[in-house]
Protein backbone atom coordinates (compact mmCIF):
# COMPACT_ATOMS: atom_id res chain seq x y z
CA UNK A 1 -0.09 -0.03 -0.17
CA UNK A 2 1.21 3.69 -1.24
CA UNK A 3 2.55 5.49 1.91
CA UNK A 4 1.10 9.01 1.80
CA UNK A 5 2.92 11.98 2.16
CA UNK A 6 3.70 13.26 5.59
CA UNK A 7 1.54 16.47 6.08
CA UNK A 8 -0.65 15.54 2.76
CA UNK A 9 -3.94 14.10 2.72
CA UNK A 10 -4.52 11.41 0.38
CA UNK A 11 -6.97 12.76 -1.69
CA UNK A 12 -4.61 15.79 -2.09
CA UNK A 13 -1.86 13.30 -3.12
CA UNK A 14 -4.01 11.59 -5.53
CA UNK A 15 -4.70 14.98 -7.24
CA UNK A 16 -1.23 15.81 -7.56
CA UNK A 17 -0.33 12.74 -9.24
CA UNK A 18 -3.42 13.10 -11.66
CA UNK A 19 -2.46 16.70 -12.29
CA UNK A 20 1.30 15.41 -13.13
CA UNK A 21 -0.13 12.57 -14.90
CA UNK A 22 -2.09 15.08 -17.49
CA UNK A 23 0.77 17.20 -17.82
CA UNK A 24 3.19 14.60 -18.48
CA UNK A 25 1.00 13.44 -21.36
CA UNK A 26 0.68 16.70 -22.92
CA UNK A 27 4.23 17.15 -22.91
CA UNK A 28 4.95 13.50 -24.30
CA UNK A 29 2.52 14.52 -27.20
CA UNK A 30 4.50 17.70 -27.77
CA UNK A 31 7.76 15.55 -27.57
CA UNK A 32 6.69 13.18 -30.28
CA UNK A 33 5.87 15.96 -32.33
CA UNK A 34 8.87 17.57 -31.94
CA UNK A 35 10.81 14.27 -32.86
CA UNK A 36 8.92 13.81 -36.29
CA UNK A 37 9.65 16.95 -37.81
CA UNK A 38 13.63 16.83 -38.47
CA UNK A 39 16.53 14.57 -39.05
CA UNK A 40 18.88 17.02 -37.59
CA UNK A 41 19.42 15.65 -34.49
CA UNK A 42 21.20 18.24 -32.58
CA UNK A 43 18.33 20.71 -33.42
CA UNK A 44 15.84 17.98 -32.55
CA UNK A 45 17.36 17.38 -29.08
CA UNK A 46 17.36 20.88 -28.23
CA UNK A 47 13.82 21.38 -29.02
CA UNK A 48 12.39 18.62 -27.07
CA UNK A 49 14.80 20.02 -24.10
CA UNK A 50 13.10 23.27 -24.48
CA UNK A 51 9.52 21.41 -24.37
CA UNK A 52 10.79 19.73 -21.14
CA UNK A 53 11.77 22.91 -19.58
CA UNK A 54 8.42 25.07 -20.59
CA UNK A 55 5.88 22.64 -20.09
CA UNK A 56 7.46 19.80 -17.98
CA UNK A 57 8.97 21.90 -15.38
CA UNK A 58 12.53 20.22 -15.76
CA UNK A 59 15.25 22.57 -16.08
CA UNK A 60 18.73 22.31 -17.30
CA UNK A 61 17.72 19.31 -19.78
CA UNK A 62 20.69 17.79 -21.17
CA UNK A 63 21.57 14.85 -23.86
CA UNK A 64 24.98 13.03 -23.59
CA UNK A 65 25.57 10.11 -26.27
CA UNK A 66 28.30 7.62 -26.57
CA UNK A 67 31.13 8.22 -29.10
CA UNK A 68 31.89 5.08 -30.34
CA UNK A 69 35.40 6.24 -31.32
CA UNK A 70 36.36 8.07 -28.16
CA UNK A 71 34.54 5.93 -26.05
CA UNK A 72 33.09 8.56 -24.05
CA UNK A 73 29.90 10.83 -23.66
CA UNK A 74 29.61 13.57 -25.18
CA UNK A 75 27.11 16.41 -24.63
CA UNK A 76 24.91 16.33 -27.55
CA UNK A 77 22.16 19.07 -26.22
CA UNK A 78 21.92 21.35 -23.64
CA UNK A 79 19.30 23.85 -22.71
CA UNK A 80 20.62 26.56 -20.69
CA UNK A 81 21.44 29.94 -22.45
CA UNK A 82 23.91 30.82 -19.65
CA UNK A 83 25.71 27.49 -19.62
CA UNK A 84 29.29 27.77 -20.72
CA UNK A 85 30.43 26.05 -24.32
CA UNK A 86 29.51 22.28 -23.71
CA UNK A 87 31.26 20.89 -26.87
CA UNK A 88 34.39 19.87 -24.94
CA UNK A 89 32.77 18.34 -21.93
CA UNK A 90 32.72 14.68 -22.17
CA UNK A 91 32.40 11.58 -19.31
CA UNK A 92 34.06 8.22 -19.34
CA UNK A 93 31.55 5.05 -18.73
CA UNK A 94 31.45 4.95 -14.63
CA UNK A 95 32.77 8.82 -14.16
CA UNK A 96 30.52 10.65 -11.89
CA UNK A 97 26.90 9.93 -11.94
CA UNK A 98 26.28 10.54 -15.82
CA UNK A 99 29.05 7.83 -16.21
CA UNK A 100 27.72 5.52 -13.69
CA UNK A 101 23.95 5.70 -15.13
CA UNK A 102 25.62 4.66 -18.64
CA UNK A 103 27.66 1.94 -16.90
CA UNK A 104 24.69 0.61 -14.97
CA UNK A 105 22.05 1.26 -17.67
CA UNK A 106 19.71 2.03 -15.02
CA UNK A 107 18.01 5.68 -13.92
CA UNK A 108 19.36 7.65 -10.80
CA UNK A 109 17.54 10.00 -8.64
CA UNK A 110 18.97 12.14 -6.22
CA UNK A 111 16.54 14.01 -3.89
CA UNK A 112 19.15 16.50 -3.11
CA UNK A 113 22.09 16.94 -5.62
CA UNK A 114 24.67 18.28 -3.23
CA UNK A 115 24.37 15.24 -1.16
CA UNK A 116 25.91 12.84 -3.87
CA UNK A 117 29.72 13.24 -3.92
CA UNK A 118 30.24 11.65 -7.17
CA UNK A 119 28.30 14.17 -8.70
CA UNK A 120 30.50 16.00 -11.09
CA UNK A 121 29.36 19.76 -12.14
CA UNK A 122 31.41 20.21 -15.08
CA UNK A 123 29.21 22.83 -16.30
CA UNK A 124 28.91 24.32 -13.16
CA UNK A 125 25.09 24.50 -13.86
CA UNK A 126 22.95 22.55 -11.49
CA UNK A 127 21.35 23.80 -8.17
CA UNK A 128 22.77 21.54 -5.35
CA UNK A 129 19.65 22.14 -3.14
CA UNK A 130 17.38 20.60 -5.84
CA UNK A 131 17.06 17.36 -6.79
CA UNK A 132 18.31 15.75 -10.13
CA UNK A 133 17.31 12.82 -12.65
CA UNK A 134 19.14 10.97 -15.01
CA UNK A 135 17.80 8.04 -17.29
CA UNK A 136 19.66 5.74 -19.80
CA UNK A 137 18.87 6.48 -23.49
CA UNK A 138 18.69 2.99 -25.17
CA UNK A 139 18.65 1.37 -28.73
CA UNK A 140 16.36 -1.75 -28.24
CA UNK A 141 18.16 -4.64 -26.29
CA UNK A 142 21.80 -2.97 -27.20
CA UNK A 143 22.07 -1.11 -24.14
CA UNK A 144 22.62 2.32 -23.30
CA UNK A 145 24.03 4.86 -25.59
CA UNK A 146 23.48 7.93 -23.69
CA UNK A 147 21.97 9.47 -20.68
CA UNK A 148 19.12 12.29 -20.30
CA UNK A 149 19.55 14.30 -17.57
CA UNK A 150 17.20 17.16 -15.70
CA UNK A 151 16.58 18.85 -12.78
CA UNK A 152 12.92 19.28 -11.44
CA UNK A 153 12.16 22.61 -10.10
CA UNK A 154 11.07 21.23 -6.61
CA UNK A 155 11.62 18.67 -4.28
CA UNK A 156 8.84 16.47 -3.62
CA UNK A 157 7.58 12.77 -3.25
CA UNK A 158 6.50 12.45 -7.20
CA UNK A 159 10.70 11.94 -8.25
CA UNK A 160 10.06 8.33 -9.11
CA UNK A 161 6.84 9.24 -11.37
CA UNK A 162 8.95 12.16 -13.12
CA UNK A 163 11.87 9.62 -13.43
CA UNK A 164 9.34 6.96 -15.24
CA UNK A 165 8.28 9.95 -17.40
CA UNK A 166 11.91 10.69 -18.45
CA UNK A 167 12.57 6.96 -19.38
CA UNK A 168 9.89 7.24 -21.63
CA UNK A 169 11.05 10.58 -23.42
CA UNK A 170 14.47 8.63 -23.43
CA UNK A 171 12.93 5.80 -25.32
CA UNK A 172 11.70 8.33 -27.95
CA UNK A 173 14.86 9.64 -28.08
CA UNK A 174 16.45 6.40 -28.39
CA UNK A 175 14.38 5.77 -31.60
CA UNK A 176 15.22 9.06 -32.96
CA UNK A 177 19.12 8.49 -32.19
CA UNK A 178 18.72 5.23 -34.24
CA UNK A 179 17.02 6.79 -37.06
CA UNK A 180 19.46 9.73 -37.45
CA UNK A 181 22.51 7.46 -37.22
CA UNK A 182 21.16 5.03 -39.79
CA UNK A 183 20.24 8.08 -42.06
CA UNK A 184 23.97 9.44 -41.46
CA UNK A 185 25.30 5.83 -42.00
CA UNK A 186 23.48 5.81 -45.51
CA UNK A 187 24.38 9.31 -46.59
CA UNK A 188 28.05 8.68 -45.55
CA UNK A 189 27.82 5.44 -47.95
CA UNK A 190 26.29 7.38 -50.55
CA UNK A 191 28.93 10.12 -50.18
CA UNK A 192 31.53 7.57 -50.58
CA UNK A 193 29.76 5.85 -53.39
CA UNK A 194 29.40 9.46 -54.86
CA UNK A 195 32.91 10.30 -54.69
CA UNK A 196 34.38 6.64 -56.05
CA UNK A 197 31.84 7.25 -59.21
CA UNK A 198 33.14 10.93 -59.68
CA UNK A 199 36.92 9.59 -59.54
CA UNK A 200 36.01 6.79 -62.17
CA UNK A 201 34.06 8.82 -64.57
CA UNK A 202 36.79 11.78 -64.07
CA UNK A 203 39.40 8.86 -64.98
CA UNK A 204 37.21 7.45 -67.68
CA UNK A 205 36.84 11.00 -69.33
CA UNK A 206 40.09 12.03 -68.74
CA UNK A 207 42.81 12.63 -71.24
CA UNK A 208 44.34 9.22 -70.75
CA UNK A 209 41.39 7.40 -72.01
CA UNK A 210 41.36 9.28 -75.60
CA UNK A 211 43.56 7.27 -77.61
CA UNK A 212 45.82 9.75 -79.57
CA UNK A 213 49.75 10.21 -80.23
CA UNK A 214 49.41 11.87 -83.55
CA UNK A 215 50.41 15.59 -83.91
CA UNK A 216 46.91 16.56 -84.88
CA UNK A 217 45.62 14.85 -81.46
CA UNK A 218 48.30 16.17 -79.47
CA UNK A 219 47.00 19.56 -80.72
CA UNK A 220 43.52 18.67 -79.72
CA UNK A 221 44.65 17.60 -76.32
CA UNK A 222 46.27 21.04 -75.70
CA UNK A 223 43.10 22.92 -76.67
CA UNK A 224 41.11 21.01 -74.55
CA UNK A 225 43.57 21.44 -71.43
CA UNK A 226 43.52 25.39 -72.18
CA UNK A 227 39.70 25.67 -72.58
CA UNK A 228 38.48 23.41 -69.96
CA UNK A 229 39.81 25.73 -67.20
CA UNK A 230 37.15 28.53 -68.47
CA UNK A 231 33.45 28.89 -68.95
CA UNK A 232 34.05 29.59 -72.90
CA UNK A 233 31.50 28.24 -75.50
CA UNK A 234 33.15 25.39 -77.15
CA UNK A 235 32.17 24.50 -80.88
CA UNK A 236 33.71 20.69 -81.71
CA UNK A 237 34.06 20.16 -85.22
CA UNK A 238 34.85 16.78 -87.15
CA UNK A 239 33.40 14.15 -89.02
CA UNK A 240 30.85 11.44 -87.98
CA UNK A 241 32.65 9.01 -85.77
CA UNK A 242 35.84 11.10 -84.84
CA UNK A 243 35.07 11.08 -80.93
CA UNK A 244 33.53 14.42 -80.71
CA UNK A 245 31.32 13.61 -77.56
CA UNK A 246 34.49 12.19 -75.98
CA UNK A 247 36.29 15.60 -76.09
CA UNK A 248 33.13 17.40 -74.66
CA UNK A 249 33.06 14.90 -71.55
CA UNK A 250 36.89 15.53 -71.29
CA UNK A 251 36.41 19.13 -71.20
CA UNK A 252 33.35 19.18 -68.68
CA UNK A 253 35.26 16.64 -66.05
CA UNK A 254 38.57 18.65 -66.38
CA UNK A 255 36.79 21.77 -65.70
CA UNK A 256 35.64 23.66 -62.27
CA UNK A 257 32.00 22.24 -63.38
CA UNK A 258 33.12 18.84 -63.04
CA UNK A 259 30.90 18.50 -59.86
CA UNK A 260 28.00 19.95 -61.78
CA UNK A 261 25.79 17.79 -64.12
CA UNK A 262 26.77 16.87 -67.85
CA UNK A 263 23.73 16.70 -70.00
CA UNK A 264 23.86 15.61 -73.61
CA UNK A 265 21.04 16.18 -76.24
CA UNK A 266 21.08 15.18 -80.01
CA UNK A 267 19.61 18.07 -81.67
CA UNK A 268 19.14 16.21 -85.03
CA UNK A 269 16.86 13.73 -83.17
CA UNK A 270 14.04 15.85 -82.35
CA UNK A 271 11.50 18.11 -84.59
CA UNK A 272 11.81 21.69 -83.25
CA UNK A 273 8.04 21.34 -81.25
CA UNK A 274 9.84 18.55 -79.12
CA UNK A 275 13.28 19.89 -78.94
CA UNK A 276 12.01 23.32 -77.64
CA UNK A 277 10.08 21.16 -74.59
CA UNK A 278 13.21 18.97 -74.29
CA UNK A 279 15.77 22.17 -73.96
CA UNK A 280 13.39 24.41 -71.87
CA UNK A 281 10.81 22.22 -70.27
CA UNK A 282 7.35 22.60 -70.16
CA UNK A 283 4.28 23.59 -67.56
CA UNK A 284 1.50 21.65 -66.96
CA UNK A 285 -1.12 21.47 -69.44
CA UNK A 286 1.38 23.69 -72.13
CA UNK A 287 0.13 21.10 -74.87
CA UNK A 288 -1.65 17.90 -75.08
CA UNK A 289 0.06 15.12 -73.12
CA UNK A 290 1.62 17.81 -70.57
CA UNK A 291 0.41 16.05 -67.53
CA UNK A 292 2.86 17.60 -65.46
CA UNK A 293 5.88 20.17 -64.95
CA UNK A 294 8.85 18.90 -66.41
CA UNK A 295 12.42 20.81 -66.50
CA UNK A 296 14.29 21.14 -69.67
CA UNK A 297 18.04 20.27 -70.26
CA UNK A 298 18.97 23.80 -69.47
CA UNK A 299 17.36 23.34 -65.94
CA UNK A 300 18.94 20.18 -65.36
CA UNK A 301 22.61 21.43 -66.39
CA UNK A 302 22.60 24.35 -64.06
CA UNK A 303 25.77 24.68 -62.75
CA UNK A 304 27.22 22.07 -65.17
CA UNK A 305 27.73 21.45 -69.01
CA UNK A 306 24.91 21.31 -71.64
CA UNK A 307 26.60 19.45 -74.63
CA UNK A 308 24.48 19.80 -77.96
CA UNK A 309 25.40 17.67 -80.44
CA UNK A 310 24.47 17.97 -84.17
CA UNK A 311 23.84 21.64 -83.81
CA UNK A 312 24.20 22.52 -87.08
CA UNK A 313 20.58 20.21 -87.81
CA UNK A 314 18.35 22.84 -86.11
CA UNK A 315 16.04 25.01 -88.13
CA UNK A 316 16.32 28.97 -88.50
CA UNK A 317 12.83 29.24 -86.10
CA UNK A 318 14.68 27.58 -83.36
CA UNK A 319 17.98 29.13 -83.77
CA UNK A 320 16.53 32.30 -82.48
CA UNK A 321 15.39 31.12 -79.37
CA UNK A 322 18.51 29.08 -78.68
CA UNK A 323 20.36 32.47 -79.50
CA UNK A 324 18.48 34.11 -76.26
CA UNK A 325 19.46 31.40 -74.05
CA UNK A 326 23.00 31.81 -75.05
CA UNK A 327 23.33 35.52 -74.90
CA UNK A 328 21.01 36.16 -71.75
CA UNK A 329 21.06 33.04 -69.85
CA UNK A 330 17.01 33.07 -69.71
CA UNK A 331 14.27 31.30 -70.66
CA UNK A 332 10.70 30.30 -70.24
CA UNK A 333 9.08 27.10 -70.44
CA UNK A 334 6.91 26.08 -73.15
CA UNK A 335 3.41 27.40 -71.93
CA UNK A 336 5.07 29.31 -68.89
CA UNK A 337 5.38 32.99 -68.31
CA UNK A 338 8.03 32.85 -65.62
CA UNK A 339 11.62 33.81 -66.85
CA UNK A 340 13.97 31.42 -65.63
CA UNK A 341 17.88 32.38 -65.02
CA UNK A 342 20.66 29.20 -65.41
CA UNK A 343 24.24 29.33 -65.31
CA UNK A 344 25.04 26.70 -67.86
CA UNK A 345 28.33 26.14 -69.90
CA UNK A 346 27.29 25.12 -73.67
CA UNK A 347 29.45 22.67 -75.89
CA UNK A 348 28.28 21.99 -79.08
CA UNK A 349 29.24 19.93 -81.75
CA UNK A 350 28.80 19.57 -85.79
CA UNK A 351 29.90 17.74 -88.86
CA UNK A 352 28.61 20.42 -91.07
CA UNK A 353 29.93 23.37 -93.07
CA UNK A 354 28.48 25.83 -90.81
CA UNK A 355 30.45 28.74 -92.76
CA UNK A 356 28.65 27.31 -95.98
CA UNK A 357 25.14 27.24 -94.21
CA UNK A 358 25.80 30.65 -93.03
CA UNK A 359 26.31 31.75 -96.86
CA UNK A 360 23.13 30.16 -97.96
CA UNK A 361 21.00 31.46 -95.13
CA UNK A 362 20.47 28.34 -93.67
CA UNK A 363 22.20 29.12 -90.17
CA UNK A 364 21.97 32.41 -88.64
CA UNK A 365 25.44 34.26 -88.61
CA UNK A 366 24.74 35.75 -84.98
CA UNK A 367 24.46 32.23 -83.70
CA UNK A 368 27.43 30.93 -85.53
CA UNK A 369 29.69 33.71 -83.67
CA UNK A 370 28.19 32.90 -80.51
CA UNK A 371 28.96 29.20 -80.84
CA UNK A 372 32.26 29.56 -82.33
CA UNK A 373 34.06 31.51 -79.45
CA UNK A 374 36.52 28.17 -79.31
CA UNK A 375 36.61 25.84 -82.09
CA UNK A 376 38.50 22.73 -81.79
CA UNK A 377 38.97 20.51 -85.00
CA UNK A 378 38.80 16.77 -84.48
CA UNK A 379 40.73 15.37 -87.31
CA UNK A 380 39.41 12.21 -89.28
CA UNK A 381 41.06 8.78 -88.48
CA UNK A 382 42.86 8.71 -91.95
CA UNK A 383 44.71 12.03 -90.55
CA UNK A 384 46.53 10.07 -87.96
CA UNK A 385 46.45 6.44 -89.27
CA UNK A 386 49.55 6.01 -86.54
CA UNK A 387 46.93 6.08 -84.26
CA UNK A 388 45.28 2.92 -85.71
CA UNK A 389 47.15 0.12 -84.20
CA UNK A 390 46.70 1.19 -80.48
CA UNK A 391 42.73 2.11 -81.31
CA UNK A 392 42.43 -1.40 -82.56
CA UNK A 393 44.07 -2.98 -79.47
CA UNK A 394 41.95 -1.05 -77.05
CA UNK A 395 38.69 -1.64 -79.15
CA UNK A 396 39.66 -5.56 -79.63
CA UNK A 397 40.05 -5.52 -75.84
CA UNK A 398 36.45 -3.80 -75.08
CA UNK A 399 34.89 -6.26 -77.89
CA UNK A 400 36.26 -9.19 -75.72
CA UNK A 401 34.81 -7.73 -72.62
CA UNK A 402 31.62 -7.68 -73.89
CA UNK A 403 31.67 -11.12 -75.59
CA UNK A 404 33.23 -12.58 -72.45
CA UNK A 405 36.34 -14.05 -74.16
CA UNK A 406 39.78 -13.46 -75.11
CA UNK A 407 40.59 -11.78 -78.27
CA UNK A 408 43.82 -10.80 -79.75
CA UNK A 409 44.96 -9.11 -82.90
CA UNK A 410 48.27 -9.86 -85.11
CA UNK A 411 50.41 -7.73 -86.85
CA UNK A 412 49.42 -8.38 -89.87
CA UNK A 413 45.96 -7.34 -89.07
CA UNK A 414 46.98 -3.90 -87.76
CA UNK A 415 49.35 -3.40 -91.24
CA UNK A 416 46.18 -4.15 -93.17
CA UNK A 417 44.15 -1.81 -91.22
CA UNK A 418 46.89 1.10 -91.40
CA UNK A 419 46.20 0.93 -94.98
CA UNK A 420 42.39 2.00 -95.37
CA UNK A 421 41.21 5.57 -95.43
CA UNK A 422 38.53 4.90 -93.13
CA UNK A 423 35.85 7.24 -93.96
CA UNK A 424 33.63 6.11 -91.39
CA UNK A 425 36.59 6.87 -88.70
CA UNK A 426 36.75 5.26 -85.30
CA UNK A 427 33.22 3.97 -85.48
CA UNK A 428 34.15 1.98 -88.53
CA UNK A 429 36.97 0.95 -86.96
CA UNK A 430 34.92 -0.27 -84.17
CA UNK A 431 32.36 -2.02 -86.33
CA UNK A 432 34.88 -3.95 -88.47
CA UNK A 433 36.75 -5.36 -85.27
CA UNK A 434 33.57 -6.42 -83.82
CA UNK A 435 32.69 -8.08 -87.10
CA UNK A 436 36.33 -9.62 -87.24
CA UNK A 437 35.56 -10.92 -83.86
CA UNK A 438 32.36 -12.23 -84.68
CA UNK A 439 33.96 -14.19 -87.53
CA UNK A 440 37.19 -15.19 -85.44
CA UNK A 441 36.78 -18.91 -84.19
CA UNK A 442 39.93 -18.99 -81.89
CA UNK A 443 39.93 -15.44 -81.01
CA UNK A 444 42.61 -14.29 -82.92
CA UNK A 445 42.35 -11.78 -85.23
CA UNK A 446 44.91 -11.84 -88.44
CA UNK A 447 45.20 -10.59 -91.66
CA UNK A 448 42.83 -13.33 -93.25
CA UNK A 449 40.21 -12.56 -90.93
CA UNK A 450 40.13 -8.84 -91.53
CA UNK A 451 39.91 -9.77 -95.20
CA UNK A 452 36.92 -11.66 -94.68
CA UNK A 453 35.14 -8.70 -93.43
CA UNK A 454 35.00 -7.22 -96.52
CA UNK A 455 37.48 -4.42 -96.00
CA UNK A 456 38.80 -2.64 -98.96
CA UNK A 457 42.75 -3.66 -98.51
CA UNK A 458 43.89 -2.69 -101.77
CA UNK A 459 46.02 -0.03 -100.98
CA UNK A 460 48.64 -2.32 -99.11
CA UNK A 461 51.90 -0.31 -97.62
CA UNK A 462 53.85 -2.72 -100.21
CA UNK A 463 52.31 -1.78 -103.17
CA UNK A 464 53.30 1.33 -104.99
CA UNK A 465 51.22 4.54 -104.02
CA UNK A 466 48.43 5.46 -106.56
CA UNK A 467 47.93 9.30 -106.66
CA UNK A 468 44.24 10.43 -106.49
CA UNK A 469 44.03 13.24 -108.99
CA UNK A 470 40.87 15.21 -110.22
CA UNK A 471 39.58 14.55 -113.48
CA UNK A 472 40.77 17.32 -115.96
CA UNK A 473 43.53 18.57 -113.57
CA UNK A 474 47.23 18.55 -114.52
CA UNK A 475 50.19 16.23 -112.79
CA UNK A 476 52.11 18.20 -110.61
CA UNK A 477 55.96 17.88 -110.21
CA UNK A 478 56.18 17.71 -106.22
CA UNK A 479 60.07 17.69 -106.72
CA UNK A 480 60.06 20.94 -108.69
CA UNK A 481 62.81 23.08 -106.94
CA UNK A 482 60.63 26.25 -108.07
CA UNK A 483 58.09 25.16 -105.43
CA UNK A 484 58.85 25.84 -101.63
CA UNK A 485 57.73 23.52 -98.74
CA UNK A 486 54.50 25.41 -98.05
CA UNK A 487 53.63 25.21 -101.93
CA UNK A 488 54.87 21.55 -102.15
CA UNK A 489 52.35 20.31 -99.33
CA UNK A 490 49.39 22.50 -100.35
CA UNK A 491 49.91 21.12 -103.82
CA UNK A 492 49.94 17.65 -102.42
CA UNK A 493 46.78 18.25 -100.33
CA UNK A 494 44.83 19.35 -103.30
CA UNK A 495 45.94 16.59 -105.27
CA UNK A 496 44.73 14.03 -102.57
CA UNK A 497 41.34 15.90 -101.86
CA UNK A 498 42.65 17.28 -98.79
CA UNK A 499 43.15 13.76 -97.38
CA UNK A 500 46.31 13.82 -95.59
CA UNK A 501 47.04 9.93 -95.45
CA UNK A 502 47.02 10.58 -99.29
CA UNK A 503 49.15 13.37 -99.69
CA UNK A 504 51.66 11.87 -97.11
CA UNK A 505 52.08 9.02 -99.77
CA UNK A 506 52.26 11.44 -102.53
CA UNK A 507 55.36 13.08 -101.05
CA UNK A 508 56.77 10.17 -99.52
CA UNK A 509 56.06 11.35 -96.03
CA UNK A 510 54.31 9.44 -92.82
CA UNK A 511 51.33 10.91 -92.02
CA UNK A 512 52.51 12.19 -88.85
CA UNK A 513 55.30 14.09 -90.76
CA UNK A 514 52.59 15.96 -93.06
CA UNK A 515 50.70 16.50 -90.01
CA UNK A 516 53.62 18.45 -88.42
CA UNK A 517 54.44 20.20 -91.60
CA UNK A 518 50.45 21.18 -92.07
CA UNK A 519 51.01 22.45 -88.16
CA UNK A 520 54.09 24.47 -88.34
CA UNK A 521 53.73 25.90 -92.04
CA UNK A 522 49.98 27.55 -90.82
CA UNK A 523 48.38 25.59 -93.51
CA UNK A 524 44.44 25.85 -93.19
CA UNK A 525 42.90 22.64 -93.65
CA UNK A 526 39.97 22.62 -95.91
CA UNK A 527 36.98 20.80 -94.60
CA UNK A 528 34.28 18.87 -97.38
């Protein structure tokens, strides 16, 4: 049977208990509401202690949590504006009353704080004349992971009820701690995975991943290194299959925007109405089928890079809309009226003769100059035949991984590959090697397998070169002493239709040598 409080009648005691219970139920409701608002653990714990002080009459609330690395209790939250900084205060398990609560995994009730010699008031905060209550914070059956402590405003015989109430609050805090730690662990894993992927992507799209030792490719690499540092608009030019997208990737992932998004769009794949929606986005109900708002590629690339391939294929009507975004960085979604502003670096690519399109009126001159700030020309494979062996080995290894077997390529096959003009460039080379891999029974790609793919191998290296001349054009004597070095190279290029590999054979040079002369003699290569 419960013993009454001295000097207090039983009805009065029951009334106090009932009032305390009703008050605690309201506090518990408010505490549960606070714990469900935010995943910021320190902010949430501070709000809980504020509720205990304002509504539960429990002063100087403190939450200490066990740090697994240090093996000590660190104060995670404290409700007292006048307290000294608490970040450096800690307790070892078993040290003082707080450490004893953690070690014993049991609540402690001090009717008068000053009577307990083991109480360490390291914060110089608690009133020695008032009671003190501390309870463990548990994570299920795993034991105590922290301590919740507070000081009631007055001493009375209801301390056990207050301690029981604090245990309920501590259980709720324990669930919040469990959730916060799980979220933190998941976020840490995601950050590590993100950083790993960033390193892999940067490595995959770095300069080491682009094969090219020819002089023309070294010039491209130097241009990419320089332009990657800035936000300059880049126009990558070259025939289809030369690797323009690889260069765009290298520019982005070696730039200060590497942490931002790299967004791609092939402009030739969509008509004007869909292209506008893809680039600028649309509002809900803007057209039939627009069931919700959608961000366009420009918004997706905000803070990063937008790569527009086949830019020469867009219509003159759409060119005007694109020009405004490039000039002002502003646009409206389709069906919207609000002007959006973005910070996007634009890289474009084309295999068209844009200068000819400008003369013919098919491409806006102002847009051309806006795009052609930093042109980078990708040389066709026929102008860097010395890269064919390394490219072929790389592609054979790639095909071997896809097919799940071991593949190899012989030197005789490489010599055959170097005698082809490769009008389809690297894409044609990859297709040829994939056909060869399919036709190779034992995984070895030699000259006979390459020949079986249907590749034109008539221009073998050990055969006399066959000059390519235009009908009706007079033959030029390239050994004429009246011709200087620059005139000889230009004449050979004209004779070969500006195909550097053929011009090199006319001059008895290697492709590397003629590429070097084109660069040093400042010869402007014609595009066809």
